[in-house]
Protein backbone atom coordinates (compact mmCIF):
# COMPACT_ATOMS: atom_id res chain seq x y z
CA UNK A 1 -15.84 241.49 126.70
CA UNK A 2 -16.65 241.24 122.95
CA UNK A 3 -17.32 238.03 121.43
CA UNK A 4 -15.09 238.81 118.77
CA UNK A 5 -12.16 238.21 120.81
CA UNK A 6 -13.13 234.57 120.97
CA UNK A 7 -13.56 234.26 117.17
CA UNK A 8 -10.11 235.94 116.51
CA UNK A 9 -8.47 233.72 119.06
CA UNK A 10 -10.00 230.79 117.69
CA UNK A 11 -8.86 231.70 114.12
CA UNK A 12 -5.28 232.31 115.20
CA UNK A 13 -5.38 229.08 117.09
CA UNK A 14 -6.63 227.19 113.85
CA UNK A 15 -3.98 228.94 111.60
CA UNK A 16 -1.35 227.46 114.23
CA UNK A 17 -2.90 224.14 113.85
CA UNK A 18 -2.91 224.54 110.03
CA UNK A 19 0.79 225.60 109.92
CA UNK A 20 1.76 222.64 112.29
CA UNK A 21 0.30 220.20 109.93
CA UNK A 22 1.34 222.12 106.60
CA UNK A 23 5.13 221.94 107.32
CA UNK A 24 5.80 219.23 109.68
CA UNK A 25 9.69 220.11 110.02
CA UNK A 26 8.85 224.02 110.86
CA UNK A 27 8.38 225.26 114.26
CA UNK A 28 6.31 228.17 113.37
CA UNK A 29 2.96 226.31 113.81
CA UNK A 30 3.63 225.28 117.27
CA UNK A 31 4.92 228.33 118.46
CA UNK A 32 1.95 230.36 117.03
CA UNK A 33 -0.35 227.66 118.59
CA UNK A 34 1.55 228.01 122.10
CA UNK A 35 1.51 231.81 121.95
CA UNK A 36 -2.15 232.04 121.46
CA UNK A 37 -2.77 229.55 124.27
CA UNK A 38 -1.25 232.17 126.60
CA UNK A 39 -3.60 234.78 124.99
CA UNK A 40 -6.59 232.31 125.89
CA UNK A 41 -5.51 232.19 129.31
CA UNK A 42 -5.62 236.04 129.54
CA UNK A 43 -8.90 236.05 128.09
CA UNK A 44 -10.22 233.40 130.40
CA UNK A 45 -8.96 235.37 133.20
CA UNK A 46 -10.50 238.78 131.73
CA UNK A 47 -13.90 237.13 130.96
CA UNK A 48 -13.81 234.85 134.01
CA UNK A 49 -14.39 231.88 131.84
CA UNK A 50 -12.32 229.51 133.89
CA UNK A 51 -12.53 226.50 131.59
CA UNK A 52 -10.75 228.09 128.81
CA UNK A 53 -7.55 227.97 131.12
CA UNK A 54 -7.87 224.07 130.94
CA UNK A 55 -8.40 224.08 127.40
CA UNK A 56 -5.54 226.46 126.75
CA UNK A 57 -3.19 223.92 129.02
CA UNK A 58 -4.43 220.99 127.18
CA UNK A 59 -3.79 222.63 123.68
CA UNK A 60 -0.69 224.14 124.88
CA UNK A 61 0.74 220.67 126.06
CA UNK A 62 -0.19 219.13 122.67
CA UNK A 63 2.11 221.71 120.98
CA UNK A 64 4.89 221.13 123.47
CA UNK A 65 4.38 217.61 122.82
CA UNK A 66 4.72 218.13 118.95
CA UNK A 67 7.68 220.07 119.34
CA UNK A 68 9.58 217.51 121.52
CA UNK A 69 8.64 214.77 119.02
CA UNK A 70 9.88 216.73 116.04
CA UNK A 71 13.18 217.22 117.92
CA UNK A 72 13.52 213.50 118.58
CA UNK A 73 12.78 212.67 115.04
CA UNK A 74 15.35 215.19 113.58
CA UNK A 75 17.79 213.51 116.17
CA UNK A 76 16.94 209.93 114.80
CA UNK A 77 17.12 211.10 111.07
CA UNK A 78 20.64 212.81 111.90
CA UNK A 79 21.82 209.73 113.53
CA UNK A 80 20.58 207.46 110.75
CA UNK A 81 22.20 209.75 108.09
CA UNK A 82 25.44 209.61 110.00
CA UNK A 83 25.71 205.86 110.12
CA UNK A 84 24.57 205.43 106.45
CA UNK A 85 27.27 207.87 105.49
CA UNK A 86 29.80 205.95 107.53
CA UNK A 87 28.66 202.73 105.72
CA UNK A 88 29.09 204.44 102.58
CA UNK A 89 32.41 205.54 103.32
CA UNK A 90 33.53 202.40 104.31
CA UNK A 91 32.08 200.78 101.07
CA UNK A 92 34.03 203.47 99.03
CA UNK A 93 37.28 202.70 100.63
CA UNK A 94 36.95 199.12 100.14
CA UNK A 95 36.17 199.64 96.47
CA UNK A 96 39.07 202.42 96.15
CA UNK A 97 41.50 199.66 97.82
CA UNK A 98 40.35 196.83 95.44
CA UNK A 99 41.08 199.26 92.35
CA UNK A 100 44.56 200.05 93.48
CA UNK A 101 45.61 196.48 94.18
């Protein structure tokens, strides 16, 4: 198996990591990162370099953790915005009621 496979997979993996940190709200980076880990597993099996499977599991797990963390943070931001909007609505109604009295 050509050494270029290893270099190519490394480049795609690095691109996934770059995209992950470039845009913290987008899922493109983690998706590329997880996809490349699946290819690393295939490479490990084809080249009989079994430690690449462990590496792929670790990197893939970190990407899954990142996706889950993003989901939780989005839920927290949405909840915070809903609470904030609710408080603003109550303040507006109070002001409107005091103007009309």
